[in-house]
Structure formats: C-alpha cells, structure tokens
Amino acid sequence: MVIAPRQFGQVLNDAMHGLAKVWRALVIPALAAMIPVSVATTFVFTTTGGADFLDVVLNNPERLQTLPGDVFWELARPFYVAVGIATLLLIVAGVFLALISHSAVAAQVRGETLTSAEATRIALRRYVTGLTATVLMFIVIGVLIALGSFLWFVPAASVGAPNATAALVALILLAVVLGPGIWAAVSVSMTTPTVAIERRGPLDSIRRSMQLVKGRWWPTAGYLALVSLFGGIAIQLIQLVALPLALVGGGAVLVIVSALGVVSQGLLVAAIAAMYTHWYIDLRARKEDLSTESLG
C-alpha cells in the first residue's frame, strides 16, 4: 500500500493512535532496560559521593552559600561525575528502546504485530550500529553547542549586562551562537529510525536523516518540540501523584513509587521514539514513492 504525505496534525494523530497499538510490545523491554539503569544509577550516586551533594542541596542549601569556591567544587565534583555516568547509562538504554519502538511502529504500519521478543531481537541486531550513530550525533552536537557557548561566554563575561537592553542583546546572541548545535540536533533526529528500518550504517544513517529533514526543518523541530512537551507533561503528572505518596507512605510505598517511576520513565522514552517514527515515515513519503512493504 502506498503511503502518502500527511498534514502535521494528521501525523500527530496517527502517532498517538499508533502508540495505542504497539504499547504492549514496549512494556517488557522498557522494564528490562530501565530497571538495571535505575539500580546502576543509584549505585553510582552512592559510591561516587554524588548523593551527598544532592542531600545538601535538598536539605541544607544554606550551607552551600557559606562554602568557599574550592570547597564547593570539591563537594560538587562527584555529583557531576555521577550525572555524567547516569546520562551515559540512559543513552545506552534509550538507544535500545528507540530501536524497539521504531521496529514495532514500522511493523504496525505494515499491518503486522511484533511481540516484545521479536522487537527485541531486531533491536539487538541493530544495536551496535544504533549506539555508534547516537554517540557520533552527541559528539557533533556537543562540540557545536560547546563552541557556541564558549564564543558567547567569553565576551559576555568581559562586557557584562549593564542594562536591560544589553541583557536582551546577550540573550539573542546566545540563541544565534547555539543555532548550529540546535540545527544539527534536529537534522540528525531521524537517525535511529533509519538505522532500525533501513538498516544503514552509522554515518550513512546520519546523512540519510539530514537528507530527510532538509526542507522540512521547521516542521520537524515543531513536531519534536511538541512530542517532547507531551513527554514533559506526562512526567510532571507522574511526579504530582508519586511525590505525595512517597512523602506520606512508608517504606513499602516508597518502593512501589520508585518502581512505578522506573517503569514510567522507560515507557515515556519508548513512546517518544515511537512517535518520532511516524514523522520519519512522513518525511520519507515526501521524498520518495513509499509503500508499506518498504518499511521492513
């Protein structure tokens, strides 16, 4: 069956309806990926001392204001190390979940249904390629953003912001210097769907993503931002329910709340990736004669 390009709202609508059809295939992989990550993250924060800094921030923030600069950074350094390691763990798990979601959605569009085991096998076969491509993406985006931040920070620190107009100009310049990094992030956002569905290599998948997004950068940026907003709202709603339960409940309640948080985080990552897949399919439909048979 031929797949025709769709309007922005139709893609979003199809993505939400499609998610309802594939969520069963995502639950077990989400648990399998996020529970080890959660345990490892807790271990990292505990063993590095990052949890000590977090405890001070939450329970005794006044103490931080009285610390000398060198003492503050000595206390904060383990926290940033732990955050870096935790971020790497999330990337490792996130790529796995993304590949599963892309495969499940592609199968659903073809009129097929993948089980969790089938989607996992496909993801594992493409995992090294997907992780390599993702690491390359992060390196490029990180370098561009770091370079832009440096170019902005050096003159901003020396000149300062003596008035509101100068502060506004500085904010505009910040957006300008971060522009290349933001452009790159949106341009390569279709890399993992390409890895999973078209089975291309890391560099070829990145180039393919840029080709697909070319000419549709602004709609792609808007779609990604909207889907991310949905994810952010979902996280906030979960926290609104979980935090009161954690505060008033005992140890058993805290364990249950923590477990629900882990499951929810994994499902949100998988759901966002699934919705990205629908945009990838629409981008392909605008560039080529696309049929359901070519999605697998």
Foldseek 3Di string as FASTA:
>chain_A
DWDAFDDLVVLLVCLVVLCVVALQLQQVLLCVLLVVLVVVLVVLCVVLQLVVLVCCVVPPVVVLVPDPPVVNCVNNVSVVVSVVVSVVSCLLSLLQLLLLLLLQSLQVLLVHGDHNVRSNVLSVVLSVQSSVLVVVLCVVLVVQLVVLCVVLVPVCVVPPQPDPVSVVVSVVSSCVSNVVSVLSCLQQVCLSSCCNFVVDGNVVSSVVSNVLCVVVSVSSVVQLVVLVVVLVVVLVVLCVVLVVQCVPDDPVSVVVSVSVNSSSVSSSSSSSSNSVSSVSVSSVSVVDRDDSVSRD
